[in-house]
Amino acid sequence: MKGLNMAALILIIVGGLNWLLFGLFQWDLVGGIFGGMDSPIARIIYVVVGIAAIYSLTLLKKVK
């Protein structure tokens, strides 16, 4: 379970950094690396990051 929690945290950090770069420079890191926002690989990464965020909601009770 610790590995899953760590993977979710890393994915959320990647997603947060992507939003930071997009907000500051209007540049999408994931899309830039994998050939645009509409490329299949980039879309898969966006979905996996979203799933990690949803999973991380379960970790909130551990923070209290």
Protein backbone atom coordinates (compact mmCIF):
# COMPACT_ATOMS: atom_id res chain seq x y z
CA MET A 1 0.00 0.00 0.00
CA LYS A 2 2.91 2.34 0.69
CA GLY A 3 4.08 1.98 -2.92
CA LEU A 4 0.63 2.88 -4.25
CA ASN A 5 0.49 5.93 -1.99
CA MET A 6 3.93 7.04 -3.18
CA ALA A 7 2.99 6.54 -6.85
CA ALA A 8 -0.17 8.58 -6.36
CA LEU A 9 1.80 11.35 -4.67
CA ILE A 10 4.37 11.48 -7.47
CA LEU A 11 1.64 11.61 -10.11
CA ILE A 12 -0.14 14.43 -8.28
CA ILE A 13 3.13 16.37 -8.08
CA VAL A 14 3.67 15.90 -11.82
CA GLY A 15 0.12 17.10 -12.45
CA GLY A 16 0.61 20.10 -10.19
CA LEU A 17 3.86 21.06 -11.90
CA ASN A 18 2.15 20.71 -15.27
CA TRP A 19 -0.58 23.13 -14.15
CA LEU A 20 2.04 25.53 -12.80
CA LEU A 21 3.88 25.59 -16.12
CA PHE A 22 0.64 25.99 -18.00
CA GLY A 23 -0.50 28.83 -15.76
CA LEU A 24 2.78 30.72 -15.91
CA PHE A 25 3.95 30.06 -19.46
CA GLN A 26 0.95 28.52 -21.23
CA TRP A 27 3.10 25.44 -21.89
CA ASP A 28 1.86 21.92 -21.27
CA LEU A 29 4.77 19.78 -20.06
CA VAL A 30 3.06 16.44 -20.70
CA GLY A 31 1.81 17.51 -24.11
CA GLY A 32 5.21 18.98 -24.95
CA ILE A 33 7.01 15.76 -24.14
CA PHE A 34 4.54 13.37 -25.73
CA GLY A 35 3.52 15.20 -28.88
CA GLY A 36 0.60 17.40 -27.94
CA MET A 37 -2.39 17.31 -25.65
CA ASP A 38 -4.36 15.11 -28.04
CA SER A 39 -1.74 12.37 -28.42
CA PRO A 40 -2.87 9.02 -27.02
CA ILE A 41 0.06 8.79 -24.58
CA ALA A 42 -0.56 12.27 -23.18
CA ARG A 43 -4.26 11.51 -22.74
CA ILE A 44 -3.41 8.30 -20.88
CA ILE A 45 -1.08 10.25 -18.58
CA TYR A 46 -3.81 12.84 -17.90
CA VAL A 47 -6.25 10.04 -17.00
CA VAL A 48 -3.72 8.29 -14.73
CA VAL A 49 -2.95 11.57 -12.94
CA GLY A 50 -6.69 12.15 -12.46
CA ILE A 51 -7.16 8.66 -11.05
CA ALA A 52 -4.23 9.29 -8.68
CA ALA A 53 -5.95 12.47 -7.49
CA ILE A 54 -9.20 10.61 -6.85
CA TYR A 55 -7.31 7.86 -5.02
CA SER A 56 -5.54 10.47 -2.90
CA LEU A 57 -8.87 11.57 -1.50
CA THR A 58 -8.74 8.38 0.57
CA LEU A 59 -5.44 9.56 2.08
CA LEU A 60 -7.02 12.67 3.59
CA LYS A 61 -8.22 10.76 6.64
CA LYS A 62 -4.60 9.77 7.36
CA VAL A 63 -3.54 13.44 7.47
CA LYS A 64 -5.98 14.42 10.23
